[in-house]
Amino acid sequence: MAEQLNVQLVAVEEKVWSGTAEMVMARTTEGELGVLPGHAPLLGQLAEPGQVRIKLSGGEQLSYDVAGGFISVSEQGVTVLAETATPAAAASGN
């Protein structure tokens, strides 16, 4: 079994999602960031508007539109602290 990240996605008023994932991708003010297990610790400011994508084992991907906040990577895992976080609309149209 591949290494997994412990991930928490938290908005101001609620915990939006938590679990294990293979990878987390987020757009920061410094550019697109991909986090895999073993990533160096960092703290980044999320770009606005932004999106956080969580790749689960088995290929499933969760996407959330986020506004404001930070992404923190530590030895314990990845925490996304956003002002708001809502499931992203499907890309297939309106």
Protein backbone atom coordinates (compact mmCIF):
# COMPACT_ATOMS: atom_id res chain seq x y z
CA MET A 1 0.00 0.00 0.00
CA ALA A 2 1.30 3.43 -0.96
CA GLU A 3 2.02 6.06 1.66
CA GLN A 4 -0.92 8.30 2.47
CA LEU A 5 -1.34 11.88 3.67
CA ASN A 6 -3.58 12.79 6.58
CA VAL A 7 -5.68 15.65 5.21
CA GLN A 8 -8.01 18.12 6.89
CA LEU A 9 -10.00 20.74 4.97
CA VAL A 10 -11.49 23.23 7.39
CA ALA A 11 -13.62 26.32 6.72
CA VAL A 12 -14.29 29.02 9.30
CA GLU A 13 -17.55 27.46 10.48
CA GLU A 14 -17.01 23.72 9.93
CA LYS A 15 -14.72 20.82 9.15
CA VAL A 16 -15.44 20.21 5.45
CA TRP A 17 -13.49 16.99 4.86
CA SER A 18 -10.89 14.86 6.58
CA GLY A 19 -9.30 11.56 5.72
CA THR A 20 -6.31 10.06 3.95
CA ALA A 21 -5.23 10.85 0.41
CA GLU A 22 -2.43 10.16 -2.04
CA MET A 23 -1.95 13.81 -3.04
CA VAL A 24 -3.28 17.31 -2.38
CA MET A 25 -3.13 20.06 -4.99
CA ALA A 26 -3.81 23.74 -4.30
CA ARG A 27 -3.23 27.07 -5.99
CA THR A 28 -1.26 29.42 -3.77
CA THR A 29 -0.13 33.00 -4.28
CA GLU A 30 3.25 31.49 -5.29
CA GLY A 31 1.75 29.10 -7.88
CA GLU A 32 0.27 25.61 -8.11
CA LEU A 33 1.37 23.30 -5.30
CA GLY A 34 1.24 19.50 -5.27
CA VAL A 35 1.83 17.72 -1.96
CA LEU A 36 2.82 14.06 -1.77
CA PRO A 37 3.73 12.02 1.34
CA GLY A 38 7.14 13.11 2.64
CA HIS A 39 6.80 16.71 1.39
CA ALA A 40 8.88 19.29 3.24
CA PRO A 41 6.98 21.36 5.81
CA LEU A 42 5.61 24.64 4.50
CA LEU A 43 2.93 27.28 4.94
CA GLY A 44 1.34 28.85 1.88
CA GLN A 45 -1.37 31.43 1.28
CA LEU A 46 -4.22 30.19 -0.92
CA ALA A 47 -4.85 32.18 -4.11
CA GLU A 48 -8.28 33.76 -4.58
CA PRO A 49 -10.34 32.42 -6.13
CA GLY A 50 -8.79 29.04 -5.63
CA GLN A 51 -9.43 25.35 -5.70
CA VAL A 52 -8.14 22.48 -3.60
CA ARG A 53 -8.07 19.02 -5.16
CA ILE A 54 -7.66 15.88 -3.06
CA LYS A 55 -6.63 12.70 -4.89
CA LEU A 56 -7.83 9.60 -3.07
CA SER A 57 -6.48 6.07 -3.49
CA GLY A 58 -8.28 4.36 -6.35
CA GLY A 59 -8.15 7.47 -8.54
CA GLU A 60 -11.15 9.36 -7.14
CA GLN A 61 -10.62 13.11 -6.83
CA LEU A 62 -12.48 15.60 -4.63
CA SER A 63 -12.48 19.28 -5.64
CA TYR A 64 -13.43 22.25 -3.48
CA ASP A 65 -13.65 25.91 -4.40
CA VAL A 66 -11.99 27.90 -1.64
CA ALA A 67 -11.73 31.58 -0.75
CA GLY A 68 -9.00 32.95 1.45
CA GLY A 69 -6.88 30.99 3.85
CA PHE A 70 -3.75 28.92 4.06
CA ILE A 71 -2.34 25.46 3.39
CA SER A 72 -0.04 23.97 6.00
CA VAL A 73 2.15 20.92 5.40
CA SER A 74 3.78 19.23 8.39
CA GLU A 75 5.00 15.79 9.43
CA GLN A 76 1.45 15.13 10.67
CA GLY A 77 -0.13 15.82 7.26
CA VAL A 78 -1.84 18.59 5.31
CA THR A 79 -4.29 21.12 6.73
CA VAL A 80 -6.19 23.57 4.55
CA LEU A 81 -7.71 26.45 6.52
CA ALA A 82 -10.08 28.44 4.29
CA GLU A 83 -12.60 31.20 4.89
CA THR A 84 -15.06 29.25 2.73
CA ALA A 85 -14.88 25.84 1.05
CA THR A 86 -17.64 24.40 -1.14
CA PRO A 87 -17.69 21.36 -3.44
CA ALA A 88 -16.65 22.44 -6.94
CA ALA A 89 -19.25 22.30 -9.71
CA ALA A 90 -18.79 19.51 -12.24
CA ALA A 91 -16.77 20.55 -15.25
CA SER A 92 -19.35 19.12 -17.65
CA GLY A 93 -21.32 22.34 -17.92
CA ASN A 94 -24.27 24.44 -16.90
